[in-house]
Amino acid sequence: MGLAPLYPDGTKMVKRLVGLPGDTVRIDAQHQMTINGVRVGSGLPLVKRFHASARHFQGQAVLPPGHYWFLGQHPRSLDSRYFGAVHTRQITGRAYGLV
């Protein structure tokens, strides 16, 4: 997934699936994240960890076949806002919440 130096490659993460192939993902100048025009998250609180400008993470794209967009539960989650879409071959399983 290319998360080094923050995490070694192969690190397993659990995130919510919020975007499917064909969906339009957008992160705007106010750091609002939308999928097909529906707000799913906001903020880029970890941007300083990447030594980059918040502009680097802004933009809009349609998820290509075999690519998915993930979002963590916590506002400071390291998720697709930072590392982008995840390819099917990088997904190792499905997590279920405990009741």
C-alpha atoms as a PDB file:
ATOM      1  CA  MET A   1       0.000   0.000   0.000  1.00  0.00           C
ATOM      2  CA  GLY A   2       3.018   2.279   0.325  1.00  0.00           C
ATOM      3  CA  LEU A   3       2.553   3.572   3.887  1.00  0.00           C
ATOM      4  CA  ALA A   4       6.242   3.650   4.764  1.00  0.00           C
ATOM      5  CA  PRO A   5       7.726   5.234   6.809  1.00  0.00           C
ATOM      6  CA  LEU A   6       4.543   5.501   8.927  1.00  0.00           C
ATOM      7  CA  TYR A   7       3.793   1.765   8.769  1.00  0.00           C
ATOM      8  CA  PRO A   8       5.674  -1.125   7.191  1.00  0.00           C
ATOM      9  CA  ASP A   9       4.196  -2.517   3.961  1.00  0.00           C
ATOM     10  CA  GLY A  10       1.856  -5.385   4.751  1.00  0.00           C
ATOM     11  CA  THR A  11       0.425  -3.740   7.884  1.00  0.00           C
ATOM     12  CA  LYS A  12      -3.178  -4.872   8.305  1.00  0.00           C
ATOM     13  CA  MET A  13      -5.813  -2.191   8.885  1.00  0.00           C
ATOM     14  CA  VAL A  14      -9.564  -2.249   9.484  1.00  0.00           C
ATOM     15  CA  LYS A  15     -11.543   0.524   7.783  1.00  0.00           C
ATOM     16  CA  ARG A  16     -15.108   1.160   6.578  1.00  0.00           C
ATOM     17  CA  LEU A  17     -15.698   0.693   2.869  1.00  0.00           C
ATOM     18  CA  VAL A  18     -17.272   3.924   1.562  1.00  0.00           C
ATOM     19  CA  GLY A  19     -16.447   3.962  -2.165  1.00  0.00           C
ATOM     20  CA  LEU A  20     -16.839   1.340  -4.892  1.00  0.00           C
ATOM     21  CA  PRO A  21     -15.512   1.147  -8.456  1.00  0.00           C
ATOM     22  CA  GLY A  22     -17.288   3.771 -10.569  1.00  0.00           C
ATOM     23  CA  ASP A  23     -17.941   6.102  -7.613  1.00  0.00           C
ATOM     24  CA  THR A  24     -16.720   9.703  -7.766  1.00  0.00           C
ATOM     25  CA  VAL A  25     -14.510  10.639  -4.814  1.00  0.00           C
ATOM     26  CA  ARG A  26     -13.805  14.294  -4.054  1.00  0.00           C
ATOM     27  CA  ILE A  27     -11.776  16.106  -1.396  1.00  0.00           C
ATOM     28  CA  ASP A  28     -12.326  19.854  -1.697  1.00  0.00           C
ATOM     29  CA  ALA A  29     -10.386  22.928  -0.530  1.00  0.00           C
ATOM     30  CA  GLN A  30     -12.286  22.898   2.797  1.00  0.00           C
ATOM     31  CA  HIS A  31     -11.175  19.258   3.270  1.00  0.00           C
ATOM     32  CA  GLN A  32     -14.703  17.884   2.888  1.00  0.00           C
ATOM     33  CA  MET A  33     -14.744  14.360   1.436  1.00  0.00           C
ATOM     34  CA  THR A  34     -17.693  13.274  -0.691  1.00  0.00           C
ATOM     35  CA  ILE A  35     -18.603  10.092  -2.540  1.00  0.00           C
ATOM     36  CA  ASN A  36     -21.013  10.728  -5.434  1.00  0.00           C
ATOM     37  CA  GLY A  37     -21.802  14.120  -3.877  1.00  0.00           C
ATOM     38  CA  VAL A  38     -22.663  12.736  -0.427  1.00  0.00           C
ATOM     39  CA  ARG A  39     -20.453  13.939   2.449  1.00  0.00           C
ATOM     40  CA  VAL A  40     -18.727  10.998   4.139  1.00  0.00           C
ATOM     41  CA  GLY A  41     -15.985  12.769   6.097  1.00  0.00           C
ATOM     42  CA  SER A  42     -14.036  15.928   6.664  1.00  0.00           C
ATOM     43  CA  GLY A  43     -10.636  17.155   7.679  1.00  0.00           C
ATOM     44  CA  LEU A  44      -7.049  16.232   6.965  1.00  0.00           C
ATOM     45  CA  PRO A  45      -5.626  16.188  10.505  1.00  0.00           C
ATOM     46  CA  LEU A  46      -2.640  13.975   9.615  1.00  0.00           C
ATOM     47  CA  VAL A  47      -1.395  16.032   6.670  1.00  0.00           C
ATOM     48  CA  LYS A  48       1.702  17.235   8.596  1.00  0.00           C
ATOM     49  CA  ARG A  49       2.854  13.618   9.054  1.00  0.00           C
ATOM     50  CA  PHE A  50       3.302  13.434   5.290  1.00  0.00           C
ATOM     51  CA  HIS A  51       5.345  16.654   5.064  1.00  0.00           C
ATOM     52  CA  ALA A  52       3.020  17.850   2.304  1.00  0.00           C
ATOM     53  CA  SER A  53       0.517  20.618   1.712  1.00  0.00           C
ATOM     54  CA  ALA A  54      -3.183  19.873   2.178  1.00  0.00           C
ATOM     55  CA  ARG A  55      -3.537  20.751  -1.529  1.00  0.00           C
ATOM     56  CA  HIS A  56      -1.654  17.551  -2.323  1.00  0.00           C
ATOM     57  CA  PHE A  57      -4.650  15.562  -1.004  1.00  0.00           C
ATOM     58  CA  GLN A  58      -7.380  17.582  -2.749  1.00  0.00           C
ATOM     59  CA  GLY A  59      -9.002  16.570  -5.992  1.00  0.00           C
ATOM     60  CA  GLN A  60     -11.641  14.464  -7.644  1.00  0.00           C
ATOM     61  CA  ALA A  61     -11.487  11.075  -9.344  1.00  0.00           C
ATOM     62  CA  VAL A  62     -13.664   8.195 -10.422  1.00  0.00           C
ATOM     63  CA  LEU A  63     -12.610   4.926  -8.791  1.00  0.00           C
ATOM     64  CA  PRO A  64     -11.417   2.554 -11.523  1.00  0.00           C
ATOM     65  CA  PRO A  65     -12.399  -1.125 -11.690  1.00  0.00           C
ATOM     66  CA  GLY A  66     -10.961  -3.118  -8.792  1.00  0.00           C
ATOM     67  CA  HIS A  67     -10.344  -0.045  -6.580  1.00  0.00           C
ATOM     68  CA  TYR A  68     -12.084   0.874  -3.317  1.00  0.00           C
ATOM     69  CA  TRP A  69     -12.131   3.878  -0.971  1.00  0.00           C
ATOM     70  CA  PHE A  70     -11.870   3.305   2.789  1.00  0.00           C
ATOM     71  CA  LEU A  71     -12.499   5.613   5.735  1.00  0.00           C
ATOM     72  CA  GLY A  72     -11.671   5.027   9.401  1.00  0.00           C
ATOM     73  CA  GLN A  73     -14.060   5.607  12.289  1.00  0.00           C
ATOM     74  CA  HIS A  74     -11.785   8.043  14.138  1.00  0.00           C
ATOM     75  CA  PRO A  75     -11.267  11.568  12.713  1.00  0.00           C
ATOM     76  CA  ARG A  76      -7.473  11.045  12.871  1.00  0.00           C
ATOM     77  CA  SER A  77      -7.619   7.718  11.048  1.00  0.00           C
ATOM     78  CA  LEU A  78      -5.006   6.974   8.412  1.00  0.00           C
ATOM     79  CA  ASP A  79      -7.239   6.034   5.487  1.00  0.00           C
ATOM     80  CA  SER A  80      -7.877   6.618   1.782  1.00  0.00           C
ATOM     81  CA  ARG A  81      -7.797  10.395   2.293  1.00  0.00           C
ATOM     82  CA  TYR A  82      -4.031   9.936   2.607  1.00  0.00           C
ATOM     83  CA  PHE A  83      -3.090   6.725   0.804  1.00  0.00           C
ATOM     84  CA  GLY A  84      -5.712   6.762  -1.932  1.00  0.00           C
ATOM     85  CA  ALA A  85      -7.779   3.946  -3.383  1.00  0.00           C
ATOM     86  CA  VAL A  86      -7.050   0.358  -2.399  1.00  0.00           C
ATOM     87  CA  HIS A  87      -6.807  -2.342  -5.068  1.00  0.00           C
ATOM     88  CA  THR A  88      -8.667  -5.633  -4.675  1.00  0.00           C
ATOM     89  CA  ARG A  89      -5.372  -7.543  -4.333  1.00  0.00           C
ATOM     90  CA  GLN A  90      -4.539  -5.484  -1.215  1.00  0.00           C
ATOM     91  CA  ILE A  91      -7.742  -6.479   0.591  1.00  0.00           C
ATOM     92  CA  THR A  92      -7.198  -9.528   2.787  1.00  0.00           C
ATOM     93  CA  GLY A  93     -10.584  -9.999   4.421  1.00  0.00           C
ATOM     94  CA  ARG A  94     -13.742  -8.569   5.880  1.00  0.00           C
ATOM     95  CA  ALA A  95     -14.239  -7.462   9.483  1.00  0.00           C
ATOM     96  CA  TYR A  96     -17.505  -7.655  11.391  1.00  0.00           C
ATOM     97  CA  GLY A  97     -18.498  -5.664  14.471  1.00  0.00           C
ATOM     98  CA  LEU A  98     -19.165  -7.504  17.700  1.00  0.00           C
ATOM     99  CA  VAL A  99     -22.568  -7.062  19.287  1.00  0.00           C
END
